[in-house]
Amino acid sequence: MNAREFVDTNVFIYAFDSSAGRKRAVAAGLLERLWSERTGCVSLQVLQEFYVTATSKLGMAASDAAQQTERLGKWTVHRPSFDDVLSAIELHRRRQVAFWDALIVRSAMRLDCAILWTEDLSDGQRWDAVTVRNPFADSGRDNTS
């Protein structure tokens, strides 16, 4: 069985951004693999951010963004609790990371993900058992896990 992998909002946005060039291809390939392996994970935060960013920055029709959000909701979804928010605050304070990024890390941790795909944190950084991977770093690296 393959390990779970958490995907941050920016990866989804690149997959739908027709102007993103290479990043679009990389993001789309990663998402395709996660769909086929059924190992993709998100949080309510990511789903909300996707909808807002897709409609505001990509100009995606609200109905299309809602449909994609619903589709992504079929992945394993973390629904942060009050305790998760408090833990994210602690990560934010202790590790000097933005609160919203800390909440993403917390969600990946709670879902027992091995990888967190994002460009917002340092590639290779470890958060307990979660390793951050930037799918767009080092064009020669295999971003398929």
Protein backbone atom coordinates (compact mmCIF):
# COMPACT_ATOMS: atom_id res chain seq x y z
CA MET A 1 0.00 0.00 0.00
CA ASN A 2 1.27 3.45 -0.91
CA ALA A 3 1.71 6.12 1.75
CA ARG A 4 -0.68 9.05 1.94
CA GLU A 5 0.40 12.35 0.39
CA PHE A 6 -1.05 15.74 1.30
CA VAL A 7 -1.40 18.40 -1.40
CA ASP A 8 -1.38 22.14 -0.65
CA THR A 9 -3.54 24.63 -2.51
CA ASN A 10 -0.80 26.01 -4.76
CA VAL A 11 -0.30 22.64 -6.45
CA PHE A 12 -4.00 22.41 -7.33
CA ILE A 13 -4.02 25.98 -8.62
CA TYR A 14 -1.05 25.34 -10.93
CA ALA A 15 -2.81 22.25 -12.31
CA PHE A 16 -5.68 24.49 -13.48
CA ASP A 17 -3.63 27.53 -14.53
CA SER A 18 -3.29 27.55 -18.31
CA SER A 19 -0.48 30.13 -18.07
CA ALA A 20 1.66 28.07 -15.66
CA GLY A 21 3.62 26.18 -18.34
CA ARG A 22 5.93 23.55 -16.85
CA LYS A 23 4.40 23.94 -13.39
CA ARG A 24 0.98 23.09 -14.80
CA ALA A 25 2.31 19.90 -16.37
CA VAL A 26 4.14 18.86 -13.19
CA ALA A 27 1.13 19.60 -10.96
CA ALA A 28 -1.30 17.80 -13.28
CA GLY A 29 0.97 14.76 -13.44
CA LEU A 30 1.30 14.61 -9.67
CA LEU A 31 -2.46 14.90 -9.17
CA GLU A 32 -3.11 12.24 -11.81
CA ARG A 33 -0.79 9.84 -9.98
CA LEU A 34 -2.43 10.55 -6.62
CA TRP A 35 -5.89 9.98 -8.12
CA SER A 36 -4.86 6.65 -9.63
CA GLU A 37 -3.12 5.48 -6.44
CA ARG A 38 -5.91 6.84 -4.23
CA THR A 39 -3.35 8.32 -1.84
CA GLY A 40 -4.18 12.04 -2.12
CA CYS A 41 -5.15 14.00 0.98
CA VAL A 42 -6.41 17.55 1.55
CA SER A 43 -7.99 19.58 4.32
CA LEU A 44 -11.05 21.77 4.49
CA GLN A 45 -8.64 24.72 4.47
CA VAL A 46 -7.16 23.60 1.13
CA LEU A 47 -10.60 23.09 -0.40
CA GLN A 48 -11.69 26.58 0.70
CA GLU A 49 -8.47 28.19 -0.53
CA PHE A 50 -8.76 26.37 -3.85
CA TYR A 51 -12.29 27.67 -4.48
CA VAL A 52 -11.40 31.26 -3.57
CA THR A 53 -8.15 31.32 -5.55
CA ALA A 54 -9.57 29.53 -8.59
CA THR A 55 -12.43 32.02 -8.87
CA SER A 56 -10.47 35.16 -7.97
CA LYS A 57 -7.04 34.63 -9.55
CA LEU A 58 -7.69 32.11 -12.31
CA GLY A 59 -11.06 33.56 -13.27
CA MET A 60 -12.64 30.10 -13.12
CA ALA A 61 -16.43 30.19 -13.18
CA ALA A 62 -17.87 29.69 -9.71
CA SER A 63 -19.81 26.64 -10.87
CA ASP A 64 -16.65 25.03 -12.30
CA ALA A 65 -14.65 25.83 -9.16
CA ALA A 66 -17.43 24.37 -7.01
CA GLN A 67 -17.46 21.22 -9.17
CA GLN A 68 -13.69 20.81 -8.83
CA THR A 69 -13.88 21.45 -5.08
CA GLU A 70 -16.54 18.75 -4.79
CA ARG A 71 -14.36 16.38 -6.83
CA LEU A 72 -11.32 17.04 -4.61
CA GLY A 73 -13.50 16.42 -1.58
CA LYS A 74 -13.55 12.75 -2.60
CA TRP A 75 -9.94 12.50 -1.42
CA THR A 76 -9.19 11.86 2.24
CA VAL A 77 -10.15 15.17 3.87
CA HIS A 78 -8.94 16.45 7.23
CA ARG A 79 -11.47 18.53 9.12
CA PRO A 80 -9.41 20.51 11.64
CA SER A 81 -10.70 20.55 15.19
CA PHE A 82 -10.15 23.15 17.88
CA ASP A 83 -7.21 21.07 19.14
CA ASP A 84 -5.70 21.15 15.64
CA VAL A 85 -5.94 24.95 15.63
CA LEU A 86 -4.17 25.10 19.01
CA SER A 87 -1.48 22.71 17.75
CA ALA A 88 -1.01 24.87 14.64
CA ILE A 89 -0.62 27.92 16.87
CA GLU A 90 2.08 26.08 18.79
CA LEU A 91 3.86 25.09 15.55
CA HIS A 92 3.61 28.70 14.37
CA ARG A 93 5.16 30.00 17.57
CA ARG A 94 7.77 27.29 18.09
CA ARG A 95 8.93 26.80 14.48
CA GLN A 96 8.48 30.39 13.20
CA VAL A 97 6.20 29.37 10.35
CA ALA A 98 3.12 31.25 9.12
CA PHE A 99 -0.02 30.14 10.94
CA TRP A 100 -1.84 28.99 7.77
CA ASP A 101 1.17 26.90 6.75
CA ALA A 102 1.30 25.45 10.28
CA LEU A 103 -2.35 24.40 9.94
CA ILE A 104 -1.53 22.68 6.63
CA VAL A 105 1.37 20.84 8.31
CA ARG A 106 -0.90 19.85 11.19
CA SER A 107 -3.48 18.46 8.77
CA ALA A 108 -0.82 16.40 6.96
CA MET A 109 0.39 15.10 10.32
CA ARG A 110 -3.12 14.19 11.49
CA LEU A 111 -3.75 12.21 8.29
CA ASP A 112 -0.44 10.34 8.74
CA CYS A 113 0.89 11.58 5.42
CA ALA A 114 4.46 10.78 4.46
CA ILE A 115 4.72 13.72 2.04
CA LEU A 116 3.36 17.25 1.98
CA TRP A 117 3.46 18.68 -1.57
CA THR A 118 3.84 22.47 -1.46
CA GLU A 119 6.07 25.26 -2.64
CA ASP A 120 5.36 27.32 0.48
CA LEU A 121 7.76 25.47 2.79
CA SER A 122 11.37 24.35 2.41
CA ASP A 123 11.84 21.29 0.20
CA GLY A 124 13.09 18.38 2.29
CA GLN A 125 12.03 19.93 5.59
CA ARG A 126 10.75 17.38 8.12
CA TRP A 127 7.80 17.84 10.45
CA ASP A 128 7.82 14.68 12.55
CA ALA A 129 7.01 11.91 10.04
CA VAL A 130 5.96 14.34 7.27
CA THR A 131 8.50 15.40 4.64
CA VAL A 132 7.89 18.55 2.61
CA ARG A 133 8.39 18.17 -1.12
CA ASN A 134 8.25 20.97 -3.66
CA PRO A 135 7.08 19.33 -6.88
CA PHE A 136 8.57 22.20 -8.89
CA ALA A 137 12.08 22.12 -7.37
CA ASP A 138 14.97 20.67 -9.35
CA SER A 139 13.50 20.01 -12.76
CA GLY A 140 15.38 16.74 -12.99
CA ARG A 141 14.01 15.23 -9.79
CA ASP A 142 11.32 12.58 -10.03
CA ASN A 143 8.25 14.22 -8.52
CA THR A 144 6.18 11.08 -8.61
CA SER A 145 7.02 10.25 -4.97
